[in-house]
Amino acid sequence: MSTASRVTIQALEYIVKTLPVGTNLALLYLLWALLSGAFLNSRGAVFPALLMLGLGAAQIRRCSQAVRNGCWSSETLVTRWRAWVMAHTAWRPDCYEGYQPLAVDITAFWRPRLQGWLGKFFCRVADRAVKGIGFALVVQVGHNAAQRLPLLKQIIRADCDTLSESQFKATVLKRVGACLAAHEVVVHDAGASIADLQAAGIARWVVRLDRNCTARRNVLPPRTSRQGRPAEYGLLVRPLGRSYKDRRLPATAPDVTTQFRYQGRLISAQGWQALVRRDQKVVADQPTFTIWVYHDPLYQEPLVLGTNLTAQAVTIFHLYLDRWPVEEVPLVCKQLLGLQRQFVFATAARFRLPELGLLAANILAHLAAELPTLPTGFWDRQPRRTPGRLRRILGQAGFPKEYPLAGRIREKQAVTAHLPKGVMAHRRHKGAQHTKVST
């Protein structure tokens, strides 16, 4: 057995060990099928993917039932996975001035032909809202040596198909803000606004803003005349100048100007402090924020960030850069593991299979960073620690059937001869659901 196979099976064994007997073995098979790329070859079908592992028909049916009706939750698996990472790898969370970034992102698995489902999310490829199953990812960002990696902390379902994407985003931000640790900072892209973060009650946040954003001072301007209504809003602050109908709108002079070096480049930063939203009036105890504009010589357009932290400009810059690793999890899950297409339709399975895929994507990235560089062939002369290489190696090695699993991870010897199977079981299950809804 190769080192990659042994370390992988040990990690999976630790994750599923505490689950009920039988269910833990079924989920171990499923996770291995995901990690080895079997779902990519089967185009998202569960039975053909498990058949590639050499499982029998009875084992494949048990795995399918574990996804549909098994007694487990993704929260338990994520908690076990986080414990294994902290105990067996060199990964540690990033920290800047005592703040640790907590990246939040929303992704969707498109199911345009899923009957009885109404939830829709915006798809950039189709340029419209498409029917799909939505999830929110909350990850900690850290480093394993020189490699920056996300570590899953929460997977939040959009389990109510009547929720719009904006309503789901508000729900996610409230849940994240409620369990935010004292040293954590929520980092979000331009999909969330300052108003969304303030409405969710998040204590510490960093968010990307539009280049044409504006804000106001939380101080009334001096009154120049005794005539007219007294001002209720502070002076308008425009971080970047722009043109509007052949008229030039100049930028507001910054309160703070600083410079720092990043990867050999000199980045200049401009800050405007003690600001409120444009639609807010001047109030003494109003929550304020700071806008930072970063001019990087590597990019033509500046980076505009908003935050309620009283930290240095370089700290805010590094916190936001740690937001991007969250994109790796759905990218690996959909493109490298093949779950952009799925063929599960049961109420629980439509959520559980994507959750297993997202967890498997995170497992693959961390194991690839922890294991030595593994070339996938003679042509791979400069191998790197990437999830794609590890997936190919696991697929070539096959499932390690000779590995002695823990005694608790085994098939459950239960009597099932009296239970209906096949079409009769399906009809009985649908009849029970119809009776329950009618009563």
Protein backbone atom coordinates (compact mmCIF):
# COMPACT_ATOMS: atom_id res chain seq x y z
CA MET A 1 0.00 0.00 0.00
CA SER A 2 1.36 3.42 -0.94
CA THR A 3 1.85 6.22 1.56
CA ALA A 4 -0.89 8.30 -0.06
CA SER A 5 -3.44 5.47 0.22
CA ARG A 6 -2.50 4.70 3.83
CA VAL A 7 -2.72 8.31 5.02
CA THR A 8 -5.99 8.84 3.16
CA ILE A 9 -7.69 5.76 4.58
CA GLN A 10 -6.49 6.66 8.08
CA ALA A 11 -8.01 10.13 7.78
CA LEU A 12 -11.32 8.75 6.50
CA GLU A 13 -11.34 6.11 9.24
CA TYR A 14 -10.97 8.80 11.89
CA ILE A 15 -13.77 10.91 10.38
CA VAL A 16 -16.43 8.17 10.22
CA LYS A 17 -15.38 6.05 13.23
CA THR A 18 -17.98 7.44 15.66
CA LEU A 19 -20.96 7.01 13.32
CA PRO A 20 -23.38 4.07 13.68
CA VAL A 21 -22.08 0.67 12.66
CA GLY A 22 -22.69 0.03 8.97
CA THR A 23 -23.27 3.67 8.18
CA ASN A 24 -19.64 4.48 8.92
CA LEU A 25 -18.39 1.86 6.45
CA ALA A 26 -20.81 3.05 3.77
CA LEU A 27 -19.67 6.66 4.14
CA LEU A 28 -16.03 5.56 4.06
CA TYR A 29 -16.68 3.90 0.68
CA LEU A 30 -18.46 7.01 -0.58
CA LEU A 31 -15.70 9.38 0.51
CA TRP A 32 -13.06 7.19 -1.09
CA ALA A 33 -15.06 7.09 -4.34
CA LEU A 34 -15.19 10.89 -4.27
CA LEU A 35 -11.49 11.32 -3.50
CA SER A 36 -10.39 8.88 -6.19
CA GLY A 37 -12.38 10.60 -8.95
CA ALA A 38 -14.89 7.78 -9.45
CA PHE A 39 -17.77 10.27 -9.63
CA LEU A 40 -15.91 12.14 -12.36
CA ASN A 41 -15.74 8.98 -14.47
CA SER A 42 -19.37 8.07 -13.72
CA ARG A 43 -20.56 11.62 -14.59
CA GLY A 44 -22.12 12.08 -11.15
CA ALA A 45 -23.95 8.74 -10.86
CA VAL A 46 -23.64 7.04 -7.45
CA PHE A 47 -23.98 3.35 -8.36
CA PRO A 48 -21.42 3.30 -11.22
CA ALA A 49 -18.96 5.28 -9.09
CA LEU A 50 -19.17 2.74 -6.26
CA LEU A 51 -18.99 -0.15 -8.73
CA MET A 52 -15.56 1.14 -9.81
CA LEU A 53 -14.29 0.41 -6.29
CA GLY A 54 -15.09 -3.29 -6.76
CA LEU A 55 -18.06 -3.31 -4.38
CA GLY A 56 -20.88 -5.82 -4.64
CA ALA A 57 -24.51 -5.03 -5.32
CA ALA A 58 -25.49 -5.32 -1.64
CA GLN A 59 -22.68 -3.00 -0.54
CA ILE A 60 -23.62 -0.43 -3.17
CA ARG A 61 -27.25 -0.45 -2.02
CA ARG A 62 -26.15 0.05 1.60
CA CYS A 63 -24.07 3.06 0.56
CA SER A 64 -27.03 4.53 -1.27
CA GLN A 65 -29.27 4.01 1.75
CA ALA A 66 -26.68 5.64 4.00
CA VAL A 67 -26.94 8.80 1.91
CA ARG A 68 -30.74 8.70 1.83
CA ASN A 69 -31.64 7.54 5.33
CA GLY A 70 -28.41 7.20 7.34
CA CYS A 71 -28.19 8.63 10.86
CA TRP A 72 -25.41 11.20 10.42
CA SER A 73 -24.89 14.89 9.75
CA SER A 74 -22.29 16.93 7.92
CA GLU A 75 -21.60 18.93 11.11
CA THR A 76 -20.30 15.78 12.79
CA LEU A 77 -18.07 14.90 9.85
CA VAL A 78 -16.67 18.45 9.61
CA THR A 79 -15.93 18.51 13.34
CA ARG A 80 -14.06 15.19 13.14
CA TRP A 81 -12.16 16.35 10.07
CA ARG A 82 -11.07 19.57 11.78
CA ALA A 83 -9.82 17.60 14.78
CA TRP A 84 -7.79 15.31 12.52
CA VAL A 85 -6.20 18.25 10.69
CA MET A 86 -5.15 19.98 13.90
CA ALA A 87 -3.69 16.75 15.31
CA HIS A 88 -1.97 15.23 12.26
CA THR A 89 -0.95 18.07 9.93
CA ALA A 90 1.17 21.19 10.05
CA TRP A 91 -1.73 23.45 9.03
CA ARG A 92 -2.31 26.43 11.32
CA PRO A 93 -4.70 29.39 10.91
CA ASP A 94 -3.37 32.75 9.77
CA CYS A 95 -3.26 35.59 12.28
CA TYR A 96 -2.74 39.30 11.64
CA GLU A 97 -2.56 41.65 14.64
CA GLY A 98 -4.43 38.99 16.61
CA TYR A 99 -7.22 38.65 14.00
CA GLN A 100 -7.96 35.38 12.19
CA PRO A 101 -9.86 35.53 8.87
CA LEU A 102 -13.12 33.61 8.50
CA ALA A 103 -14.09 33.52 4.82
CA VAL A 104 -17.74 33.15 3.81
CA ASP A 105 -19.04 32.24 0.37
CA ILE A 106 -22.24 30.94 -1.23
CA THR A 107 -22.22 28.26 -3.91
CA ALA A 108 -24.91 26.26 -5.70
CA PHE A 109 -25.21 22.88 -7.38
CA TRP A 110 -27.35 23.39 -10.44
CA ARG A 111 -30.35 21.05 -10.75
CA PRO A 112 -32.50 22.54 -13.54
CA ARG A 113 -34.59 19.36 -13.94
CA LEU A 114 -35.13 18.60 -10.27
CA GLN A 115 -38.88 18.22 -9.81
CA GLY A 116 -40.58 19.79 -6.82
CA TRP A 117 -37.72 22.20 -6.09
CA LEU A 118 -38.14 25.97 -6.47
CA GLY A 119 -34.87 27.39 -5.13
CA LYS A 120 -32.87 29.47 -7.62
CA PHE A 121 -29.45 31.08 -7.55
CA PHE A 122 -27.72 33.39 -9.96
CA CYS A 123 -25.52 31.58 -12.49
CA ARG A 124 -22.86 33.70 -14.19
CA VAL A 125 -22.58 31.35 -17.15
CA ALA A 126 -26.31 31.51 -17.90
CA ASP A 127 -26.49 35.16 -16.74
CA ARG A 128 -29.75 34.47 -14.93
CA ALA A 129 -31.18 32.68 -11.91
CA VAL A 130 -31.08 28.89 -12.34
CA LYS A 131 -32.71 26.19 -10.22
CA GLY A 132 -30.18 24.72 -7.83
CA ILE A 133 -29.34 23.54 -4.31
CA GLY A 134 -27.55 26.31 -2.41
CA PHE A 135 -24.91 26.02 0.29
CA ALA A 136 -22.88 28.52 2.30
CA LEU A 137 -19.28 27.71 3.15
CA VAL A 138 -17.55 29.08 6.23
CA VAL A 139 -13.83 28.34 6.31
CA GLN A 140 -10.78 29.22 8.34
CA VAL A 141 -7.76 30.13 6.26
CA GLY A 142 -4.23 29.15 7.19
CA HIS A 143 -0.94 27.81 5.89
CA ASN A 144 0.70 24.42 5.69
CA ALA A 145 4.32 25.48 5.17
CA ALA A 146 4.15 27.90 2.22
CA GLN A 147 0.79 26.66 0.92
CA ARG A 148 -2.35 28.59 1.85
CA LEU A 149 -5.36 26.34 2.49
CA PRO A 150 -8.95 26.68 3.72
CA LEU A 151 -10.31 24.49 6.50
CA LEU A 152 -14.05 23.91 6.58
CA LYS A 153 -15.82 25.16 9.68
CA GLN A 154 -19.47 25.12 8.62
CA ILE A 155 -21.60 23.98 5.69
CA ILE A 156 -24.97 25.74 5.80
CA ARG A 157 -27.86 24.48 3.68
CA ALA A 158 -30.44 26.52 1.85
CA ASP A 159 -32.95 23.85 2.85
CA CYS A 160 -36.02 26.01 2.24
CA ASP A 161 -36.60 26.32 -1.49
CA THR A 162 -38.80 29.40 -1.05
CA LEU A 163 -35.83 31.46 0.16
CA SER A 164 -34.32 33.83 -2.36
CA GLU A 165 -30.56 34.22 -2.65
CA SER A 166 -30.66 37.50 -0.73
CA GLN A 167 -32.73 35.94 2.07
CA PHE A 168 -30.35 33.00 2.29
CA LYS A 169 -27.39 35.37 2.47
CA ALA A 170 -29.00 37.26 5.35
CA THR A 171 -29.66 33.99 7.19
CA VAL A 172 -26.06 32.85 6.70
CA LEU A 173 -24.59 36.12 7.96
CA LYS A 174 -26.74 35.98 11.09
CA ARG A 175 -25.65 32.41 11.85
CA VAL A 176 -22.00 33.24 11.27
CA GLY A 177 -22.20 36.38 13.40
CA ALA A 178 -23.86 34.49 16.26
CA CYS A 179 -20.97 32.01 16.61
CA LEU A 180 -18.09 34.37 15.78
CA ALA A 181 -15.14 33.93 18.14
CA ALA A 182 -13.44 36.89 19.80
CA HIS A 183 -10.42 36.74 17.48
CA GLU A 184 -12.22 35.98 14.20
CA VAL A 185 -13.08 38.42 11.41
CA VAL A 186 -15.71 37.70 8.76
CA VAL A 187 -14.29 38.34 5.28
CA HIS A 188 -16.74 38.59 2.39
CA ASP A 189 -16.58 39.59 -1.24
CA ALA A 190 -18.71 42.23 -2.97
CA GLY A 191 -21.76 39.95 -2.80
CA ALA A 192 -22.53 41.37 0.65
CA SER A 193 -22.87 45.05 1.50
CA ILE A 194 -22.04 46.97 4.64
CA ALA A 195 -25.77 47.21 5.36
CA ASP A 196 -26.07 43.41 5.20
CA LEU A 197 -23.20 42.92 7.65
CA GLN A 198 -24.52 45.52 10.07
CA ALA A 199 -28.05 44.10 9.92
CA ALA A 200 -26.68 40.64 10.75
CA GLY A 201 -24.97 42.02 13.85
CA ILE A 202 -21.47 40.82 12.91
CA ALA A 203 -18.94 42.22 15.34
CA ARG A 204 -15.88 42.30 13.04
CA TRP A 205 -15.88 42.26 9.26
CA VAL A 206 -13.94 43.12 6.10
CA VAL A 207 -15.84 43.42 2.82
CA ARG A 208 -15.01 44.45 -0.71
CA LEU A 209 -16.79 47.56 -1.98
CA ASP A 210 -17.60 48.91 -5.40
CA ARG A 211 -15.19 51.40 -6.92
CA ASN A 212 -18.00 53.97 -7.10
CA CYS A 213 -19.01 53.54 -3.46
CA THR A 214 -19.75 56.57 -1.27
CA ALA A 215 -20.22 57.19 2.45
CA ARG A 216 -20.83 60.08 4.82
CA ARG A 217 -19.11 61.68 7.77
CA ASN A 218 -20.79 61.13 11.10
CA VAL A 219 -20.46 64.85 11.85
CA LEU A 220 -22.84 67.59 10.74
CA PRO A 221 -21.30 70.12 8.33
CA PRO A 222 -20.97 73.72 9.55
CA ARG A 223 -24.07 75.75 8.83
CA THR A 224 -23.40 78.57 6.37
CA SER A 225 -26.79 80.25 6.57
CA ARG A 226 -29.61 80.62 9.07
CA GLN A 227 -32.19 80.09 6.35
CA GLY A 228 -33.50 76.68 5.33
CA ARG A 229 -33.76 73.36 7.09
CA PRO A 230 -30.75 72.31 9.22
CA ALA A 231 -28.64 69.52 7.77
CA GLU A 232 -29.24 65.98 9.05
CA TYR A 233 -26.61 64.15 7.00
CA GLY A 234 -22.85 64.44 7.10
CA LEU A 235 -20.66 65.46 4.20
CA LEU A 236 -20.40 62.96 1.34
CA VAL A 237 -17.14 61.02 1.03
CA ARG A 238 -16.14 59.73 -2.41
CA PRO A 239 -12.97 57.58 -2.23
CA LEU A 240 -12.41 57.49 -6.01
CA GLY A 241 -13.22 60.19 -8.51
CA ARG A 242 -15.35 59.45 -11.58
CA SER A 243 -17.28 61.10 -14.39
CA TYR A 244 -21.04 61.40 -14.63
CA LYS A 245 -22.74 62.91 -17.71
CA ASP A 246 -19.60 64.71 -18.88
CA ARG A 247 -19.08 66.08 -15.40
CA ARG A 248 -16.08 65.18 -13.30
CA LEU A 249 -16.78 64.18 -9.71
CA PRO A 250 -13.53 64.56 -7.75
CA ALA A 251 -12.40 62.20 -5.02
CA THR A 252 -12.45 63.25 -1.37
CA ALA A 253 -9.06 63.87 0.21
CA PRO A 254 -8.05 60.87 2.38
CA ASP A 255 -7.64 61.02 6.13
CA VAL A 256 -4.70 58.61 6.13
CA THR A 257 -2.06 57.77 3.50
CA THR A 258 0.46 54.96 3.92
CA GLN A 259 2.61 52.51 1.99
CA PHE A 260 3.81 48.95 2.50
CA ARG A 261 5.54 46.22 0.52
CA TYR A 262 3.87 42.99 -0.57
CA GLN A 263 5.72 40.36 -2.63
CA GLY A 264 8.29 42.94 -3.64
CA ARG A 265 5.73 45.50 -4.81
CA LEU A 266 5.15 48.88 -3.19
CA ILE A 267 1.43 49.29 -2.49
CA SER A 268 -0.01 52.65 -1.49
CA ALA A 269 -3.14 52.83 0.67
CA GLN A 270 -5.56 55.67 1.36
CA GLY A 271 -8.04 55.60 4.22
CA TRP A 272 -11.21 57.45 5.23
CA GLN A 273 -12.20 56.90 8.85
CA ALA A 274 -15.28 57.30 11.07
CA LEU A 275 -17.78 56.92 8.22
CA VAL A 276 -21.43 55.91 8.09
CA ARG A 277 -23.55 54.68 5.21
CA ARG A 278 -24.86 57.21 2.75
CA ASP A 279 -28.47 56.63 3.82
CA GLN A 280 -27.76 57.17 7.54
CA LYS A 281 -28.18 60.41 9.44
CA VAL A 282 -25.68 61.79 11.92
CA VAL A 283 -26.10 60.03 15.29
CA ALA A 284 -23.58 60.12 18.10
CA ASP A 285 -23.58 56.35 18.80
CA GLN A 286 -23.84 55.30 15.16
CA PRO A 287 -21.60 52.32 14.22
CA THR A 288 -18.85 53.63 11.98
CA PHE A 289 -16.43 52.01 9.55
CA THR A 290 -13.32 52.76 7.52
CA ILE A 291 -12.78 52.62 3.76
CA TRP A 292 -9.36 51.67 2.43
CA VAL A 293 -8.27 52.06 -1.22
CA TYR A 294 -5.19 50.08 -2.30
CA HIS A 295 -3.22 50.94 -5.43
CA ASP A 296 -1.22 47.91 -6.55
CA PRO A 297 1.13 48.41 -9.54
CA LEU A 298 0.30 44.89 -10.69
CA TYR A 299 -3.35 45.83 -11.35
CA GLN A 300 -4.94 48.67 -13.29
CA GLU A 301 -7.92 49.08 -10.98
CA PRO A 302 -7.57 49.82 -7.24
CA LEU A 303 -8.93 47.56 -4.51
CA VAL A 304 -11.61 49.15 -2.29
CA LEU A 305 -12.31 47.57 1.10
CA GLY A 306 -14.59 48.46 3.99
CA THR A 307 -14.06 47.38 7.58
CA ASN A 308 -15.08 48.21 11.13
CA LEU A 309 -11.68 47.19 12.52
CA THR A 310 -9.24 49.72 13.90
CA ALA A 311 -6.22 48.03 12.36
CA GLN A 312 -3.39 48.95 10.04
CA ALA A 313 -3.91 49.10 6.30
CA VAL A 314 -1.59 46.16 5.68
CA THR A 315 -3.60 44.04 8.14
CA ILE A 316 -6.88 44.71 6.33
CA PHE A 317 -5.15 43.95 3.03
CA HIS A 318 -3.90 40.55 4.23
CA LEU A 319 -7.24 39.68 5.81
CA TYR A 320 -9.06 40.22 2.54
CA LEU A 321 -6.50 38.28 0.51
CA ASP A 322 -7.24 35.31 2.75
CA ARG A 323 -10.80 35.36 1.50
CA TRP A 324 -9.93 33.76 -1.86
CA PRO A 325 -9.06 30.21 -0.68
CA VAL A 326 -12.75 29.59 0.06
CA GLU A 327 -13.27 29.43 -3.71
CA GLU A 328 -11.07 26.34 -3.88
CA VAL A 329 -13.56 24.09 -2.07
CA PRO A 330 -16.46 24.22 -4.58
CA LEU A 331 -14.02 24.39 -7.50
CA VAL A 332 -12.36 21.09 -6.53
CA CYS A 333 -15.71 19.53 -5.66
CA LYS A 334 -17.37 20.33 -8.96
CA GLN A 335 -14.56 20.24 -11.49
CA LEU A 336 -11.99 17.78 -10.08
CA LEU A 337 -14.39 15.39 -8.31
CA GLY A 338 -17.19 15.55 -10.87
CA LEU A 339 -20.11 16.69 -8.71
CA GLN A 340 -21.16 19.50 -11.01
CA ARG A 341 -23.61 16.87 -12.28
CA GLN A 342 -25.62 14.74 -9.84
CA PHE A 343 -28.25 12.02 -10.08
CA VAL A 344 -29.77 11.86 -6.60
CA PHE A 345 -33.37 12.89 -6.03
CA ALA A 346 -34.33 11.88 -2.48
CA THR A 347 -35.04 14.77 -0.12
CA ALA A 348 -32.04 14.12 2.12
CA ALA A 349 -29.67 12.86 -0.58
CA ARG A 350 -29.92 16.02 -2.66
CA PHE A 351 -28.27 17.86 0.26
CA ARG A 352 -26.03 15.14 1.66
CA LEU A 353 -24.17 14.22 -1.53
CA PRO A 354 -23.02 17.82 -2.19
CA GLU A 355 -21.98 18.12 1.47
CA LEU A 356 -19.89 14.96 1.16
CA GLY A 357 -18.38 16.36 -2.02
CA LEU A 358 -17.43 19.65 -0.38
CA LEU A 359 -15.88 17.80 2.55
CA ALA A 360 -13.99 15.48 0.19
CA ALA A 361 -12.64 18.47 -1.71
CA ASN A 362 -11.25 19.94 1.49
CA ILE A 363 -9.79 16.58 2.53
CA LEU A 364 -8.08 16.18 -0.85
CA ALA A 365 -6.47 19.64 -0.69
CA HIS A 366 -5.10 19.14 2.84
CA LEU A 367 -3.79 15.64 2.22
CA ALA A 368 -2.09 16.78 -0.97
CA ALA A 369 -0.35 19.56 0.97
CA GLU A 370 0.73 17.23 3.78
CA LEU A 371 2.03 14.35 1.64
CA PRO A 372 5.29 14.58 -0.29
CA THR A 373 5.16 15.64 -3.93
CA LEU A 374 3.68 12.82 -5.98
CA PRO A 375 4.19 12.79 -9.77
CA THR A 376 1.39 11.14 -11.72
CA GLY A 377 3.65 9.93 -14.54
CA PHE A 378 7.02 10.21 -16.23
CA TRP A 379 5.91 13.46 -17.86
CA ASP A 380 5.30 15.16 -14.50
CA ARG A 381 8.86 16.43 -13.98
CA GLN A 382 8.00 19.25 -11.57
CA PRO A 383 5.16 17.87 -9.43
CA ARG A 384 3.37 20.03 -6.92
CA ARG A 385 1.17 19.28 -3.94
CA THR A 386 -2.16 19.71 -5.74
CA PRO A 387 -5.54 17.98 -5.26
CA GLY A 388 -5.63 16.87 -8.89
CA ARG A 389 -2.41 14.88 -8.63
CA LEU A 390 -3.50 13.15 -5.43
CA ARG A 391 -6.87 12.30 -6.98
CA ARG A 392 -5.17 10.60 -9.93
CA ILE A 393 -2.84 8.64 -7.66
CA LEU A 394 -5.73 7.42 -5.49
CA GLY A 395 -7.67 6.46 -8.60
CA GLN A 396 -4.74 4.45 -9.95
CA ALA A 397 -4.13 2.69 -6.61
CA GLY A 398 -7.74 1.62 -6.03
CA PHE A 399 -9.47 1.06 -2.71
CA PRO A 400 -7.05 -0.51 -0.16
CA LYS A 401 -9.08 -3.61 0.74
CA GLU A 402 -6.13 -5.12 2.61
CA TYR A 403 -6.06 -2.25 5.13
CA PRO A 404 -7.33 -3.47 8.56
CA LEU A 405 -10.14 -1.09 9.47
CA ALA A 406 -11.11 -0.44 13.07
CA GLY A 407 -13.47 -3.01 14.57
CA ARG A 408 -16.33 -0.52 14.75
CA ILE A 409 -16.18 0.18 11.01
CA ARG A 410 -17.91 -2.90 9.60
CA GLU A 411 -21.12 -4.04 7.99
CA LYS A 412 -24.09 -4.19 10.29
CA GLN A 413 -25.36 -7.75 10.57
CA ALA A 414 -29.05 -6.91 10.55
CA VAL A 415 -31.95 -9.08 9.40
CA THR A 416 -33.44 -7.55 6.26
CA ALA A 417 -35.16 -10.50 4.58
CA HIS A 418 -38.59 -9.37 5.80
CA LEU A 419 -38.24 -5.82 4.42
CA PRO A 420 -39.68 -4.86 1.01
CA LYS A 421 -37.07 -4.22 -1.66
CA GLY A 422 -36.87 -2.68 -5.09
CA VAL A 423 -40.03 -1.17 -6.59
CA MET A 424 -42.24 -2.35 -3.74
CA ALA A 425 -40.09 -0.55 -1.18
CA HIS A 426 -40.18 2.61 -3.28
CA ARG A 427 -43.98 2.51 -3.56
CA ARG A 428 -44.36 1.83 0.16
CA HIS A 429 -42.10 4.78 1.01
CA LYS A 430 -44.06 7.13 -1.26
CA GLY A 431 -47.36 5.87 0.18
CA ALA A 432 -46.18 6.52 3.75
CA GLN A 433 -45.12 10.05 2.82
CA HIS A 434 -48.48 10.73 1.13
CA THR A 435 -50.37 9.47 4.20
CA LYS A 436 -48.27 11.65 6.49
CA VAL A 437 -48.94 14.77 4.41
CA SER A 438 -52.69 14.02 4.24
CA THR A 439 -53.00 13.66 8.01
